[in-house]
Amino acid sequence: MIRSNNSRNRRAADLTIGCLSTYRVGVELRPPSYFALAALIDGPLHGYAIAQRARELSDGRVRISTGTLYALLERALAESLVTAGDPYVQGGRQRRDYTLTPAGRALLADEAARLAHASRAVSGRLRATSDAVLT
């Protein structure tokens, strides 16, 4: 069977988790990205606070390095998922607060729904087959 590139591309897009492709460059919501953006749900935070909040939200499973965090924030800024405030100095350190945009909230909501659906589907299959596997 010969498949067109369009069909193949649509199928690949269905398999991509949380990718916003406004300019053919997307922010894939792998766990560090997902939890970093989720850290901003309650309001603006500076970089270090984002990393700390992401660790808390993930129960310590996600630890974002400085390089990873700022690369993610640059991509999120480019995709208009977050905005950056003016730099300021606090405790002798220069900081900048990042704020989640409506587009960022929408992407997080979509990703949360996808993850919930995937969890229900897999959990349901595990429950349905647990007796068969145990015997």
N, C-alpha and C. Protein backbone atom coordinates (compact mmCIF):
# COMPACT_ATOMS: atom_id res chain seq x y z
N MET A 1 0.84 -1.17 0.00
CA MET A 1 0.00 0.00 0.00
C MET A 1 0.89 1.23 0.00
N ILE A 2 0.60 2.15 -0.88
CA ILE A 2 1.36 3.40 -0.96
C ILE A 2 0.57 4.47 -0.22
N ARG A 3 1.25 5.13 0.68
CA ARG A 3 0.62 6.21 1.44
C ARG A 3 1.20 7.53 1.00
N SER A 4 0.37 8.51 0.93
CA SER A 4 0.86 9.84 0.56
C SER A 4 1.59 10.45 1.74
N ASN A 5 2.44 11.42 1.43
CA ASN A 5 3.12 12.12 2.50
C ASN A 5 2.14 12.81 3.43
N ASN A 6 1.02 13.33 2.87
CA ASN A 6 0.01 13.97 3.70
C ASN A 6 -0.54 13.02 4.74
N SER A 7 -0.86 11.82 4.33
CA SER A 7 -1.40 10.81 5.25
C SER A 7 -0.36 10.47 6.32
N ARG A 8 0.87 10.29 5.90
CA ARG A 8 1.95 9.96 6.82
C ARG A 8 2.19 11.11 7.78
N ASN A 9 2.17 12.34 7.28
CA ASN A 9 2.38 13.50 8.14
C ASN A 9 1.26 13.66 9.16
N ARG A 10 0.01 13.42 8.74
CA ARG A 10 -1.11 13.51 9.68
C ARG A 10 -0.96 12.46 10.77
N ARG A 11 -0.57 11.24 10.40
CA ARG A 11 -0.39 10.19 11.39
C ARG A 11 0.73 10.55 12.36
N ALA A 12 1.82 11.07 11.86
CA ALA A 12 2.94 11.48 12.72
C ALA A 12 2.50 12.61 13.64
N ALA A 13 1.72 13.55 13.13
CA ALA A 13 1.24 14.66 13.97
C ALA A 13 0.36 14.13 15.10
N ASP A 14 -0.43 13.09 14.84
CA ASP A 14 -1.27 12.51 15.87
C ASP A 14 -0.44 11.88 16.97
N LEU A 15 0.77 11.43 16.65
CA LEU A 15 1.62 10.76 17.62
C LEU A 15 2.49 11.72 18.40
N THR A 16 2.62 12.94 17.92
CA THR A 16 3.45 13.92 18.59
C THR A 16 2.70 14.45 19.81
N ILE A 17 3.37 14.48 20.93
CA ILE A 17 2.74 14.94 22.16
C ILE A 17 2.94 16.44 22.29
N GLY A 18 1.84 17.16 22.32
CA GLY A 18 1.85 18.58 22.63
C GLY A 18 2.82 19.40 21.82
N CYS A 19 2.65 19.46 20.53
CA CYS A 19 3.54 20.25 19.70
C CYS A 19 2.76 21.38 19.07
N LEU A 20 3.15 22.60 19.33
CA LEU A 20 2.54 23.75 18.71
C LEU A 20 3.43 24.14 17.55
N SER A 21 2.87 24.18 16.36
CA SER A 21 3.73 24.38 15.19
C SER A 21 3.34 25.63 14.41
N THR A 22 3.32 26.75 15.07
CA THR A 22 2.97 27.99 14.42
C THR A 22 3.92 28.29 13.25
N TYR A 23 5.19 28.11 13.46
CA TYR A 23 6.19 28.42 12.44
C TYR A 23 7.01 27.19 12.10
N ARG A 24 6.40 26.03 12.13
CA ARG A 24 7.06 24.76 11.85
C ARG A 24 8.14 24.45 12.88
N VAL A 25 8.20 25.21 13.96
CA VAL A 25 9.10 24.93 15.06
C VAL A 25 8.20 24.80 16.28
N GLY A 26 8.25 23.69 16.95
CA GLY A 26 7.32 23.50 18.05
C GLY A 26 7.99 23.30 19.38
N VAL A 27 7.24 23.52 20.40
CA VAL A 27 7.68 23.21 21.76
C VAL A 27 7.02 21.89 22.11
N GLU A 28 7.80 20.82 22.10
CA GLU A 28 7.25 19.53 22.48
C GLU A 28 7.18 19.47 23.99
N LEU A 29 6.06 19.03 24.48
CA LEU A 29 5.90 19.00 25.93
C LEU A 29 6.36 17.67 26.50
N ARG A 30 7.64 17.50 26.52
CA ARG A 30 8.23 16.40 27.26
C ARG A 30 8.09 16.78 28.73
N PRO A 31 8.33 15.86 29.64
CA PRO A 31 8.11 16.19 31.06
C PRO A 31 8.76 17.48 31.54
N PRO A 32 10.02 17.78 31.21
CA PRO A 32 10.56 19.06 31.70
C PRO A 32 9.80 20.27 31.18
N SER A 33 9.44 20.26 29.90
CA SER A 33 8.69 21.37 29.32
C SER A 33 7.30 21.48 29.94
N TYR A 34 6.64 20.34 30.06
CA TYR A 34 5.30 20.30 30.61
C TYR A 34 5.27 20.88 32.03
N PHE A 35 6.17 20.42 32.88
CA PHE A 35 6.17 20.88 34.26
C PHE A 35 6.71 22.31 34.41
N ALA A 36 7.63 22.72 33.53
CA ALA A 36 8.10 24.11 33.58
C ALA A 36 6.97 25.08 33.23
N LEU A 37 6.23 24.76 32.19
CA LEU A 37 5.09 25.62 31.84
C LEU A 37 4.00 25.54 32.91
N ALA A 38 3.77 24.36 33.44
CA ALA A 38 2.76 24.19 34.49
C ALA A 38 3.13 24.99 35.74
N ALA A 39 4.42 25.18 35.97
CA ALA A 39 4.86 25.96 37.13
C ALA A 39 4.34 27.39 37.07
N LEU A 40 4.01 27.86 35.87
CA LEU A 40 3.55 29.24 35.70
C LEU A 40 2.04 29.40 35.77
N ILE A 41 1.32 28.34 36.02
CA ILE A 41 -0.14 28.41 36.06
C ILE A 41 -0.63 29.41 37.11
N ASP A 42 0.01 29.41 38.26
CA ASP A 42 -0.45 30.27 39.36
C ASP A 42 0.05 31.71 39.27
N GLY A 43 0.94 31.99 38.33
CA GLY A 43 1.42 33.36 38.19
C GLY A 43 2.87 33.40 37.77
N PRO A 44 3.40 34.60 37.54
CA PRO A 44 4.76 34.78 37.06
C PRO A 44 5.80 34.27 38.05
N LEU A 45 6.89 33.71 37.50
CA LEU A 45 8.02 33.26 38.30
C LEU A 45 9.30 33.53 37.53
N HIS A 46 10.40 33.68 38.26
CA HIS A 46 11.71 33.78 37.61
C HIS A 46 12.25 32.37 37.40
N GLY A 47 13.33 32.28 36.65
CA GLY A 47 13.86 30.98 36.23
C GLY A 47 14.08 29.98 37.34
N TYR A 48 14.81 30.38 38.39
CA TYR A 48 15.10 29.44 39.47
C TYR A 48 13.81 28.97 40.14
N ALA A 49 12.86 29.87 40.32
CA ALA A 49 11.58 29.50 40.94
C ALA A 49 10.79 28.55 40.03
N ILE A 50 10.90 28.72 38.71
CA ILE A 50 10.24 27.80 37.78
C ILE A 50 10.80 26.40 37.96
N ALA A 51 12.13 26.28 38.01
CA ALA A 51 12.76 24.97 38.18
C ALA A 51 12.34 24.33 39.51
N GLN A 52 12.29 25.11 40.56
CA GLN A 52 11.89 24.58 41.87
C GLN A 52 10.44 24.14 41.87
N ARG A 53 9.57 24.95 41.30
CA ARG A 53 8.14 24.62 41.25
C ARG A 53 7.89 23.39 40.38
N ALA A 54 8.62 23.27 39.27
CA ALA A 54 8.49 22.09 38.41
C ALA A 54 8.88 20.83 39.17
N ARG A 55 9.92 20.92 39.97
CA ARG A 55 10.34 19.77 40.79
C ARG A 55 9.24 19.41 41.79
N GLU A 56 8.64 20.41 42.42
CA GLU A 56 7.55 20.17 43.38
C GLU A 56 6.34 19.53 42.69
N LEU A 57 5.94 20.11 41.56
CA LEU A 57 4.75 19.60 40.85
C LEU A 57 4.93 18.15 40.40
N SER A 58 6.16 17.79 40.07
CA SER A 58 6.44 16.43 39.58
C SER A 58 6.84 15.48 40.69
N ASP A 59 6.66 15.89 41.93
CA ASP A 59 7.08 15.09 43.09
C ASP A 59 8.54 14.69 43.01
N GLY A 60 9.38 15.61 42.53
CA GLY A 60 10.82 15.38 42.47
C GLY A 60 11.29 14.60 41.26
N ARG A 61 10.39 14.19 40.39
CA ARG A 61 10.78 13.39 39.22
C ARG A 61 11.43 14.21 38.12
N VAL A 62 11.11 15.49 38.06
CA VAL A 62 11.67 16.36 37.02
C VAL A 62 12.59 17.37 37.67
N ARG A 63 13.85 17.32 37.27
CA ARG A 63 14.85 18.28 37.72
C ARG A 63 15.41 18.95 36.48
N ILE A 64 15.12 20.21 36.33
CA ILE A 64 15.48 20.92 35.12
C ILE A 64 16.79 21.68 35.33
N SER A 65 17.77 21.39 34.49
CA SER A 65 19.04 22.12 34.57
C SER A 65 18.83 23.54 34.05
N THR A 66 19.74 24.41 34.40
CA THR A 66 19.65 25.80 33.97
C THR A 66 19.64 25.91 32.45
N GLY A 67 20.53 25.18 31.80
CA GLY A 67 20.60 25.22 30.33
C GLY A 67 19.31 24.76 29.68
N THR A 68 18.75 23.66 30.19
CA THR A 68 17.50 23.14 29.66
C THR A 68 16.37 24.14 29.88
N LEU A 69 16.32 24.73 31.07
CA LEU A 69 15.25 25.67 31.39
C LEU A 69 15.27 26.88 30.47
N TYR A 70 16.43 27.49 30.31
CA TYR A 70 16.46 28.70 29.50
C TYR A 70 16.30 28.41 28.01
N ALA A 71 16.72 27.25 27.54
CA ALA A 71 16.44 26.86 26.15
C ALA A 71 14.94 26.69 25.96
N LEU A 72 14.29 26.04 26.94
CA LEU A 72 12.83 25.87 26.88
C LEU A 72 12.13 27.22 26.89
N LEU A 73 12.56 28.11 27.77
CA LEU A 73 11.92 29.43 27.86
C LEU A 73 12.11 30.23 26.57
N GLU A 74 13.26 30.12 25.93
CA GLU A 74 13.47 30.81 24.65
C GLU A 74 12.51 30.28 23.59
N ARG A 75 12.35 28.95 23.51
CA ARG A 75 11.41 28.37 22.55
C ARG A 75 9.98 28.78 22.89
N ALA A 76 9.64 28.76 24.18
CA ALA A 76 8.29 29.14 24.60
C ALA A 76 8.02 30.61 24.30
N LEU A 77 9.01 31.47 24.45
CA LEU A 77 8.86 32.88 24.09
C LEU A 77 8.63 33.01 22.58
N ALA A 78 9.40 32.28 21.80
CA ALA A 78 9.27 32.33 20.34
C ALA A 78 7.89 31.86 19.88
N GLU A 79 7.31 30.92 20.61
CA GLU A 79 5.99 30.37 20.27
C GLU A 79 4.85 31.13 20.95
N SER A 80 5.19 32.20 21.67
CA SER A 80 4.21 33.01 22.41
C SER A 80 3.44 32.21 23.45
N LEU A 81 4.11 31.23 24.05
CA LEU A 81 3.52 30.46 25.14
C LEU A 81 3.75 31.15 26.48
N VAL A 82 4.80 31.96 26.55
CA VAL A 82 5.11 32.75 27.74
C VAL A 82 5.54 34.14 27.29
N THR A 83 5.47 35.07 28.22
CA THR A 83 6.05 36.40 28.01
C THR A 83 7.09 36.60 29.09
N ALA A 84 8.05 37.48 28.81
CA ALA A 84 9.11 37.77 29.77
C ALA A 84 8.98 39.21 30.24
N GLY A 85 9.06 39.38 31.55
CA GLY A 85 9.02 40.73 32.11
C GLY A 85 10.37 41.40 32.02
N ASP A 86 10.42 42.64 32.47
CA ASP A 86 11.68 43.38 32.48
C ASP A 86 12.61 42.80 33.54
N PRO A 87 13.91 42.83 33.28
CA PRO A 87 14.87 42.35 34.28
C PRO A 87 14.84 43.22 35.54
N TYR A 88 15.12 42.59 36.67
CA TYR A 88 15.21 43.31 37.94
C TYR A 88 16.25 42.60 38.79
N VAL A 89 16.70 43.25 39.83
CA VAL A 89 17.70 42.67 40.72
C VAL A 89 17.03 42.33 42.04
N GLN A 90 17.25 41.09 42.49
CA GLN A 90 16.72 40.64 43.78
C GLN A 90 17.79 39.79 44.44
N GLY A 91 18.12 40.14 45.66
CA GLY A 91 19.15 39.39 46.38
C GLY A 91 20.49 39.39 45.66
N GLY A 92 20.79 40.50 44.97
CA GLY A 92 22.06 40.60 44.26
C GLY A 92 22.10 39.85 42.93
N ARG A 93 20.99 39.25 42.54
CA ARG A 93 20.92 38.51 41.27
C ARG A 93 19.95 39.18 40.32
N GLN A 94 20.35 39.19 39.05
CA GLN A 94 19.42 39.71 38.05
C GLN A 94 18.41 38.63 37.72
N ARG A 95 17.16 39.01 37.70
CA ARG A 95 16.08 38.07 37.43
C ARG A 95 15.13 38.66 36.39
N ARG A 96 14.31 37.77 35.86
CA ARG A 96 13.26 38.17 34.91
C ARG A 96 12.11 37.19 35.15
N ASP A 97 10.93 37.72 35.33
CA ASP A 97 9.77 36.85 35.54
C ASP A 97 9.14 36.46 34.20
N TYR A 98 8.66 35.24 34.15
CA TYR A 98 7.98 34.72 32.97
C TYR A 98 6.53 34.47 33.32
N THR A 99 5.65 34.75 32.38
CA THR A 99 4.21 34.61 32.58
C THR A 99 3.63 33.75 31.47
N LEU A 100 2.78 32.84 31.85
CA LEU A 100 2.09 31.98 30.90
C LEU A 100 1.06 32.80 30.12
N THR A 101 1.02 32.64 28.81
CA THR A 101 0.05 33.34 27.97
C THR A 101 -1.21 32.48 27.81
N PRO A 102 -2.28 33.04 27.29
CA PRO A 102 -3.46 32.22 27.00
C PRO A 102 -3.14 31.04 26.07
N ALA A 103 -2.25 31.25 25.10
CA ALA A 103 -1.86 30.15 24.21
C ALA A 103 -1.11 29.06 25.00
N GLY A 104 -0.29 29.48 25.95
CA GLY A 104 0.43 28.52 26.80
C GLY A 104 -0.53 27.73 27.68
N ARG A 105 -1.52 28.43 28.24
CA ARG A 105 -2.55 27.74 29.06
C ARG A 105 -3.32 26.74 28.22
N ALA A 106 -3.67 27.14 26.99
CA ALA A 106 -4.43 26.24 26.10
C ALA A 106 -3.60 25.00 25.76
N LEU A 107 -2.32 25.20 25.48
CA LEU A 107 -1.45 24.06 25.17
C LEU A 107 -1.35 23.12 26.37
N LEU A 108 -1.19 23.68 27.56
CA LEU A 108 -1.15 22.85 28.78
C LEU A 108 -2.46 22.10 28.99
N ALA A 109 -3.58 22.77 28.78
CA ALA A 109 -4.88 22.12 28.95
C ALA A 109 -5.04 20.97 27.96
N ASP A 110 -4.64 21.18 26.70
CA ASP A 110 -4.70 20.12 25.70
C ASP A 110 -3.82 18.94 26.09
N GLU A 111 -2.60 19.25 26.55
CA GLU A 111 -1.67 18.19 26.93
C GLU A 111 -2.19 17.43 28.15
N ALA A 112 -2.74 18.13 29.12
CA ALA A 112 -3.29 17.47 30.31
C ALA A 112 -4.43 16.54 29.91
N ALA A 113 -5.27 16.98 28.98
CA ALA A 113 -6.37 16.13 28.51
C ALA A 113 -5.84 14.90 27.78
N ARG A 114 -4.81 15.08 26.94
CA ARG A 114 -4.22 13.94 26.23
C ARG A 114 -3.61 12.94 27.20
N LEU A 115 -2.89 13.46 28.19
CA LEU A 115 -2.27 12.57 29.18
C LEU A 115 -3.32 11.82 30.00
N ALA A 116 -4.39 12.52 30.37
CA ALA A 116 -5.47 11.88 31.13
C ALA A 116 -6.13 10.78 30.30
N HIS A 117 -6.37 11.06 29.03
CA HIS A 117 -6.97 10.05 28.14
C HIS A 117 -6.05 8.84 28.01
N ALA A 118 -4.77 9.09 27.80
CA ALA A 118 -3.82 7.98 27.67
C ALA A 118 -3.76 7.16 28.95
N SER A 119 -3.78 7.83 30.08
CA SER A 119 -3.74 7.13 31.37
C SER A 119 -4.98 6.26 31.56
N ARG A 120 -6.16 6.81 31.24
CA ARG A 120 -7.39 6.03 31.37
C ARG A 120 -7.37 4.81 30.45
N ALA A 121 -6.91 5.00 29.23
CA ALA A 121 -6.89 3.90 28.26
C ALA A 121 -5.97 2.78 28.72
N VAL A 122 -4.77 3.13 29.14
CA VAL A 122 -3.81 2.11 29.57
C VAL A 122 -4.24 1.48 30.88
N SER A 123 -4.69 2.29 31.83
CA SER A 123 -5.15 1.73 33.11
C SER A 123 -6.32 0.78 32.91
N GLY A 124 -7.23 1.15 32.03
CA GLY A 124 -8.37 0.28 31.74
C GLY A 124 -7.94 -1.05 31.15
N ARG A 125 -6.98 -1.03 30.24
CA ARG A 125 -6.49 -2.28 29.64
C ARG A 125 -5.75 -3.11 30.68
N LEU A 126 -4.99 -2.46 31.54
CA LEU A 126 -4.28 -3.20 32.59
C LEU A 126 -5.27 -3.89 33.53
N ARG A 127 -6.33 -3.17 33.92
CA ARG A 127 -7.34 -3.78 34.80
C ARG A 127 -8.05 -4.93 34.09
N ALA A 128 -8.39 -4.72 32.82
CA ALA A 128 -9.13 -5.72 32.06
C ALA A 128 -8.33 -6.99 31.84
N THR A 129 -7.01 -6.87 31.81
CA THR A 129 -6.19 -8.04 31.51
C THR A 129 -5.42 -8.55 32.72
N SER A 130 -5.61 -7.95 33.88
CA SER A 130 -4.80 -8.35 35.05
C SER A 130 -5.05 -9.79 35.44
N ASP A 131 -6.29 -10.28 35.39
CA ASP A 131 -6.56 -11.67 35.74
C ASP A 131 -5.93 -12.62 34.73
N ALA A 132 -5.98 -12.28 33.47
CA ALA A 132 -5.41 -13.15 32.43
C ALA A 132 -3.90 -13.25 32.59
N VAL A 133 -3.23 -12.18 32.99
CA VAL A 133 -1.79 -12.17 33.14
C VAL A 133 -1.37 -12.94 34.39
N LEU A 134 -2.17 -12.85 35.43
CA LEU A 134 -1.82 -13.48 36.70
C LEU A 134 -2.04 -14.99 36.68
N THR A 135 -2.85 -15.51 35.79
CA THR A 135 -3.12 -16.96 35.79
C THR A 135 -2.31 -17.69 34.77
